[in-house]
Protein backbone atom coordinates (compact mmCIF):
# COMPACT_ATOMS: atom_id res chain seq x y z
CA MET A 1 69.05 206.85 185.71
CA ASN A 2 66.10 205.51 183.72
CA LYS A 3 68.45 203.08 181.88
CA LYS A 4 69.47 201.53 185.19
CA LEU A 5 65.84 201.21 186.27
CA PHE A 6 64.86 199.48 183.00
CA LYS A 7 67.85 197.18 183.31
CA MET A 8 66.76 196.21 186.86
CA ILE A 9 63.18 195.56 185.65
CA GLY A 10 64.49 193.39 182.80
CA LYS A 11 66.50 191.24 185.21
CA ARG A 12 63.45 190.82 187.49
CA ILE A 13 61.25 189.81 184.56
CA VAL A 14 63.80 187.09 183.49
CA GLN A 15 63.98 185.86 187.07
CA SER A 16 60.14 185.76 187.33
CA VAL A 17 59.90 183.72 184.07
CA ILE A 18 62.33 181.20 185.40
CA VAL A 19 60.48 180.89 188.65
CA LEU A 20 57.16 180.37 186.80
CA PHE A 21 58.73 177.68 184.68
CA ILE A 22 59.94 175.82 187.80
CA VAL A 23 56.48 176.22 189.34
CA THR A 24 54.75 174.66 186.34
CA LEU A 25 57.11 171.76 186.37
CA LEU A 26 56.79 171.11 190.14
CA VAL A 27 52.98 171.39 190.05
CA PHE A 28 52.70 169.05 187.10
CA LEU A 29 54.94 166.46 188.73
CA LEU A 30 53.05 166.65 192.01
CA MET A 31 49.74 166.18 190.18
CA GLN A 32 51.18 163.02 188.61
CA LEU A 33 51.77 161.62 192.09
CA VAL A 34 48.22 162.34 193.34
CA PRO A 35 46.24 159.08 193.51
CA GLY A 36 43.04 158.75 191.49
CA ASP A 37 42.01 158.97 187.83
CA PRO A 38 40.14 162.06 186.65
CA ILE A 39 38.46 160.04 183.87
CA VAL A 40 37.20 157.33 186.24
CA ASN A 41 36.10 159.97 188.77
CA PHE A 42 34.14 161.79 185.96
CA LEU A 43 32.49 158.73 184.44
CA GLY A 44 31.63 157.02 187.74
CA ALA A 45 31.89 153.45 188.98
CA ASN A 46 29.61 152.06 186.31
CA ALA A 47 31.80 153.16 183.36
CA THR A 48 32.90 150.50 180.93
CA GLU A 49 36.55 149.92 179.88
CA GLU A 50 35.78 151.24 176.38
CA GLN A 51 34.35 154.49 177.75
CA ILE A 52 37.38 155.01 180.06
CA ALA A 53 39.78 154.27 177.19
CA HIS A 54 37.92 156.68 174.89
CA TYR A 55 37.97 159.63 177.29
CA THR A 56 41.53 158.85 178.44
CA GLU A 57 42.67 159.14 174.83
CA MET A 58 40.47 162.23 174.17
CA PHE A 59 42.07 164.20 177.05
CA GLY A 60 45.57 162.88 176.35
CA TYR A 61 46.08 161.03 179.65
CA ASP A 62 47.26 157.96 177.78
CA GLN A 63 50.47 159.76 176.66
CA PRO A 64 53.73 159.90 178.61
CA ALA A 65 53.97 162.53 181.34
CA LEU A 66 56.65 164.55 179.54
CA VAL A 67 54.48 164.71 176.39
CA GLN A 68 51.50 165.87 178.46
CA TYR A 69 53.65 168.56 180.10
CA GLY A 70 55.03 169.74 176.76
CA LYS A 71 51.57 170.00 175.27
CA TRP A 72 50.39 171.96 178.32
CA ILE A 73 53.28 174.47 178.02
CA ALA A 74 52.88 174.79 174.29
CA GLY A 75 49.17 175.46 174.73
CA LEU A 76 49.86 178.19 177.25
CA PHE A 77 51.91 180.09 174.63
CA HIS A 78 48.82 180.02 172.43
CA GLY A 79 46.49 181.10 175.22
CA GLU A 80 45.03 177.59 175.67
CA MET A 81 44.99 175.85 179.05
CA GLY A 82 43.37 172.60 178.02
CA ARG A 83 39.96 171.26 178.74
CA SER A 84 38.35 170.41 182.12
CA VAL A 85 37.29 166.78 182.47
CA ALA A 86 34.71 167.46 185.16
CA LEU A 87 33.21 170.63 183.69
CA GLN A 88 33.60 169.65 180.00
CA LYS A 89 34.62 173.24 179.22
CA ASP A 90 37.74 175.08 178.11
CA ILE A 91 39.79 175.84 181.22
CA THR A 92 40.77 179.32 179.99
CA GLU A 93 37.10 180.38 179.96
CA VAL A 94 36.32 178.89 183.34
CA ILE A 95 39.46 180.20 185.16
CA PHE A 96 39.27 183.77 183.95
CA GLN A 97 35.57 183.92 184.75
CA ARG A 98 36.30 182.74 188.29
CA LEU A 99 39.42 184.97 188.52
CA GLY A 100 37.21 188.05 188.06
CA VAL A 101 35.14 186.99 191.07
CA THR A 102 38.33 186.46 193.15
CA LEU A 103 39.77 189.81 192.21
CA SER A 104 36.47 191.53 193.14
CA ILE A 105 37.21 190.39 196.67
CA VAL A 106 41.00 190.60 196.79
CA LEU A 107 41.55 194.13 195.32
CA PRO A 108 39.02 195.99 197.51
CA ALA A 109 40.26 194.03 200.55
CA PHE A 110 43.88 194.98 199.74
CA VAL A 111 43.03 198.65 199.29
CA LEU A 112 41.07 198.64 202.57
CA ALA A 113 43.98 196.97 204.40
CA VAL A 114 46.58 199.35 203.00
CA VAL A 115 44.59 202.60 203.64
CA PHE A 116 43.54 201.71 207.18
CA GLY A 117 46.78 199.92 208.06
CA VAL A 118 49.00 202.81 207.03
CA VAL A 119 46.82 205.44 208.68
CA LEU A 120 46.53 203.50 211.95
CA GLY A 121 50.26 202.78 211.88
CA ILE A 122 51.09 206.54 211.47
CA LEU A 123 48.68 207.43 214.32
CA ALA A 124 50.23 204.83 216.60
CA ALA A 125 53.73 206.04 215.81
CA LYS A 126 52.90 209.71 216.21
CA ASN A 127 51.27 208.94 219.61
CA ARG A 128 53.78 206.43 220.86
CA GLY A 129 53.16 205.29 224.45
CA SER A 130 49.67 206.92 224.58
CA ARG A 131 46.33 205.19 225.08
CA LEU A 132 45.62 205.43 221.36
CA ASP A 133 48.89 203.64 220.56
CA THR A 134 48.09 200.92 223.09
CA VAL A 135 44.58 200.35 221.64
CA ILE A 136 45.81 200.27 218.03
CA SER A 137 48.67 197.89 218.89
CA PHE A 138 46.33 195.66 220.91
CA PHE A 139 43.87 195.20 218.06
CA ALA A 140 46.72 194.79 215.50
CA ASN A 141 48.13 191.91 217.56
CA ILE A 142 44.69 190.28 217.75
CA GLY A 143 44.20 190.71 214.01
CA MET A 144 47.52 188.99 213.24
CA SER A 145 46.88 186.06 215.55
CA MET A 146 43.16 185.54 214.73
CA PRO A 147 42.54 182.41 212.57
CA MET A 148 40.81 183.37 209.34
CA PHE A 149 38.37 180.48 209.50
CA TRP A 150 37.30 181.31 213.08
CA PHE A 151 36.91 184.98 212.28
CA GLY A 152 34.75 184.20 209.24
CA MET A 153 32.45 182.01 211.34
CA LEU A 154 32.22 184.76 213.97
CA LEU A 155 31.18 187.36 211.40
CA ILE A 156 28.61 184.98 209.89
CA MET A 157 27.00 184.30 213.29
CA LEU A 158 26.95 188.05 214.20
CA PHE A 159 25.99 189.90 211.03
CA ALA A 160 24.14 187.15 209.11
CA LEU A 161 22.47 184.88 211.68
CA LYS A 162 21.96 187.22 214.66
CA LEU A 163 21.49 190.69 213.08
CA GLY A 164 20.38 189.43 209.66
CA ILE A 165 21.85 192.42 207.80
CA LEU A 166 24.29 190.58 205.52
CA PRO A 167 24.04 187.32 203.54
CA THR A 168 25.93 184.28 204.74
CA SER A 169 27.20 183.01 201.37
CA GLY A 170 27.16 183.15 197.61
CA LEU A 171 27.67 185.96 195.17
CA GLY A 172 25.12 188.67 194.52
CA ASN A 173 23.80 189.60 191.11
CA LYS A 174 24.30 193.14 189.86
CA ALA A 175 20.96 192.94 188.03
CA ASP A 176 19.25 192.76 191.47
CA GLY A 177 20.83 196.01 192.58
CA MET A 178 24.27 197.25 193.57
CA TRP A 179 23.63 196.76 197.35
CA GLN A 180 22.61 193.16 196.68
CA TYR A 181 25.96 192.61 194.93
CA ILE A 182 28.13 194.55 197.44
CA SER A 183 26.44 192.98 200.51
CA HIS A 184 27.72 189.53 199.47
CA LEU A 185 31.28 190.85 199.28
CA ILE A 186 31.44 192.66 202.63
CA LEU A 187 32.07 189.68 204.91
CA PRO A 188 34.61 187.93 202.58
CA MET A 189 36.51 191.19 202.09
CA THR A 190 36.56 191.84 205.83
CA VAL A 191 37.95 188.42 206.64
CA LEU A 192 40.56 188.61 203.87
CA ALA A 193 41.65 192.12 204.89
CA MET A 194 41.92 191.59 208.63
CA GLY A 195 45.35 189.90 208.73
CA PRO A 196 47.06 192.19 206.17
CA LEU A 197 45.55 195.26 207.83
CA ALA A 198 47.06 194.22 211.19
CA GLN A 199 50.40 193.49 209.51
CA PHE A 200 50.44 196.86 207.68
CA THR A 201 49.59 198.65 210.94
CA ARG A 202 52.46 197.02 212.86
CA GLN A 203 54.97 197.50 210.00
CA THR A 204 54.03 201.15 209.44
CA ARG A 205 54.27 201.92 213.14
CA SER A 206 57.69 200.20 213.41
CA SER A 207 59.08 201.92 210.24
CA MET A 208 57.75 205.32 211.25
CA LEU A 209 59.31 205.06 214.71
CA GLU A 210 62.72 204.39 213.17
CA VAL A 211 62.42 207.36 210.81
CA ILE A 212 61.09 209.75 213.44
CA ARG A 213 64.38 209.42 215.38
CA GLN A 214 66.55 210.44 212.43
CA ASP A 215 68.53 213.69 212.44
CA TYR A 216 67.04 214.96 209.13
CA VAL A 217 63.59 214.95 210.72
CA THR A 218 64.84 217.16 213.54
CA THR A 219 66.40 219.43 210.97
CA ALA A 220 63.19 219.61 208.98
CA LYS A 221 61.30 220.58 212.17
CA ALA A 222 63.86 223.27 212.86
CA LYS A 223 63.36 224.69 209.35
CA GLY A 224 59.58 225.09 210.08
CA VAL A 225 58.28 222.33 207.84
CA THR A 226 54.57 221.78 208.45
CA LYS A 227 53.42 218.65 210.30
CA LYS A 228 51.62 217.36 207.22
CA ALA A 229 54.68 217.77 204.92
CA LEU A 230 56.94 216.32 207.69
CA THR A 231 54.77 213.27 208.02
CA PHE A 232 54.14 212.40 204.38
CA ARG A 233 57.08 213.92 202.51
CA HIS A 234 59.89 213.15 204.89
CA GLN A 235 58.90 210.45 207.36
CA LEU A 236 56.46 208.18 205.50
CA ARG A 237 58.35 208.28 202.18
CA ASN A 238 61.56 207.17 203.86
CA ALA A 239 59.67 204.49 205.81
CA LEU A 240 58.04 203.05 202.70
CA ILE A 241 60.64 200.42 201.71
CA PRO A 242 59.80 197.84 204.44
CA ILE A 243 56.07 198.72 204.16
CA ILE A 244 56.10 198.05 200.42
CA THR A 245 57.88 194.74 200.99
CA VAL A 246 55.09 193.65 203.33
CA MET A 247 52.44 194.90 200.85
CA GLY A 248 53.87 192.80 198.05
CA VAL A 249 54.03 189.68 200.20
CA GLN A 250 50.58 190.19 201.63
CA LEU A 251 48.89 190.78 198.27
CA GLY A 252 50.29 187.54 196.96
CA GLY A 253 49.19 185.81 200.14
CA MET A 254 45.70 187.26 199.85
CA ILE A 255 45.29 185.89 196.35
CA GLY A 256 46.26 182.46 197.69
CA GLY A 257 44.20 182.97 200.86
CA THR A 258 40.96 183.28 198.86
CA VAL A 259 40.93 179.47 198.66
CA LEU A 260 39.92 179.38 202.33
CA VAL A 261 37.72 182.51 202.27
CA GLU A 262 35.77 181.37 199.18
CA SER A 263 35.24 178.01 200.88
CA ILE A 264 33.83 179.68 204.02
CA PHE A 265 31.41 181.93 202.19
CA VAL A 266 30.77 179.64 199.18
CA VAL A 267 31.94 182.28 196.73
CA PRO A 268 32.31 180.92 193.15
CA GLY A 269 35.86 182.24 192.68
CA LEU A 270 39.17 180.76 191.66
CA GLY A 271 39.86 179.32 195.11
CA ASN A 272 36.50 177.56 195.20
CA LEU A 273 37.09 176.19 191.76
CA MET A 274 40.45 174.73 192.80
CA ILE A 275 38.95 173.03 195.84
CA THR A 276 36.26 171.44 193.63
CA ALA A 277 38.87 170.42 191.07
CA ILE A 278 41.05 168.77 193.77
CA LYS A 279 38.00 166.78 195.01
CA GLY A 280 37.15 165.75 191.40
CA ARG A 281 40.77 164.93 190.49
CA ASP A 282 40.51 167.52 187.68
CA PHE A 283 44.30 167.88 187.51
CA MET A 284 44.50 170.33 184.60
CA VAL A 285 42.23 172.83 186.40
CA VAL A 286 44.40 172.60 189.51
CA GLU A 287 47.65 173.00 187.58
CA ASN A 288 46.37 176.14 185.74
CA GLY A 289 44.87 177.56 188.89
CA VAL A 290 48.17 177.26 190.70
CA LEU A 291 49.90 178.79 187.65
CA ILE A 292 47.54 181.85 187.78
CA ILE A 293 48.25 182.32 191.52
CA ALA A 294 51.98 182.00 190.86
CA ILE A 295 51.81 184.57 188.09
CA ALA A 296 49.93 186.96 190.41
CA VAL A 297 52.55 186.52 193.17
CA ALA A 298 55.39 187.03 190.61
CA VAL A 299 53.75 190.23 189.30
CA CYS A 300 53.36 191.48 192.88
CA ASN A 301 57.03 190.92 193.56
CA LEU A 302 57.97 192.60 190.26
CA VAL A 303 55.87 195.65 191.11
CA VAL A 304 57.55 195.79 194.55
CA ASP A 305 61.00 195.72 192.97
CA ILE A 306 60.05 198.47 190.57
CA LEU A 307 58.72 200.65 193.39
CA TYR A 308 61.98 200.02 195.26
CA GLY A 309 63.92 201.46 192.31
CA ILE A 310 61.61 204.47 192.03
CA ILE A 311 61.58 205.30 195.74
CA ASP A 312 65.21 204.58 196.57
CA PRO A 313 67.75 205.33 193.75
CA ARG A 314 70.46 203.37 195.68
CA ILE A 315 68.65 200.10 194.93
CA ARG A 316 68.57 200.60 191.11
CA ASN A 317 72.14 201.76 191.14
CA ASP A 318 73.14 198.43 192.79
């Protein structure tokens, strides 16, 4: 049984590596088509031809595209992502520093969305047709259809401008106190978690309703299984496959969605860095940023596949 699971994981890893290779190639080619010169953009309009030629050679932009791509990929295997033209720093240092900020928003938001989404979905399914079910479903539909940008502006106006209890933007410093640090994360986390929370609620409710009707649930009730054991051991466990699928997709989407959230709240994370790099034509930063997001999505999908095999033996047997 374990051998089959490891074989399945190995196949998924190989598939993920192939996908990442295709992503790097596509992103690099697309960046070659973007108009503008990062060197000229960095030096300014008053730069001389000698200065432009010097920096172009220094950063390797005078070489053929395939050579540039080959050097980038070779550098990745050595843990080197190149050097940012605009920031004049190693991209590895900059990206992983910003990635830590992004994850400090994404991971708590994901946990918040999963916990509340699954609990609300179970409550709605267990009380199908009741007022509680109607209220939960109503707010879940609103959460799924609410534009992230509009919701962020709404929270800023209410909690920051009107009530004055939360900061509008930026990132707090832990040296100034834990509340100062956490308070800057509350609004971005809430905005990022709203859509996935609504999606988890709807999916959990739908999956639970399908499981509740099954014959083995009726048999378990007849055997005197407690409500708690019936809900979590029999119903929720068998309803987890579609829920986990949504979780994997949403987590990957949340990592990509931080580009918008960090722009709204001016959080110095990976998304904000990529927006700045696009404006400054800092192509290498954009390419590596997209690669990090693609790796995160691939890891999420790999974890989902592994959980499939653990929860449902039929999947790993296939």
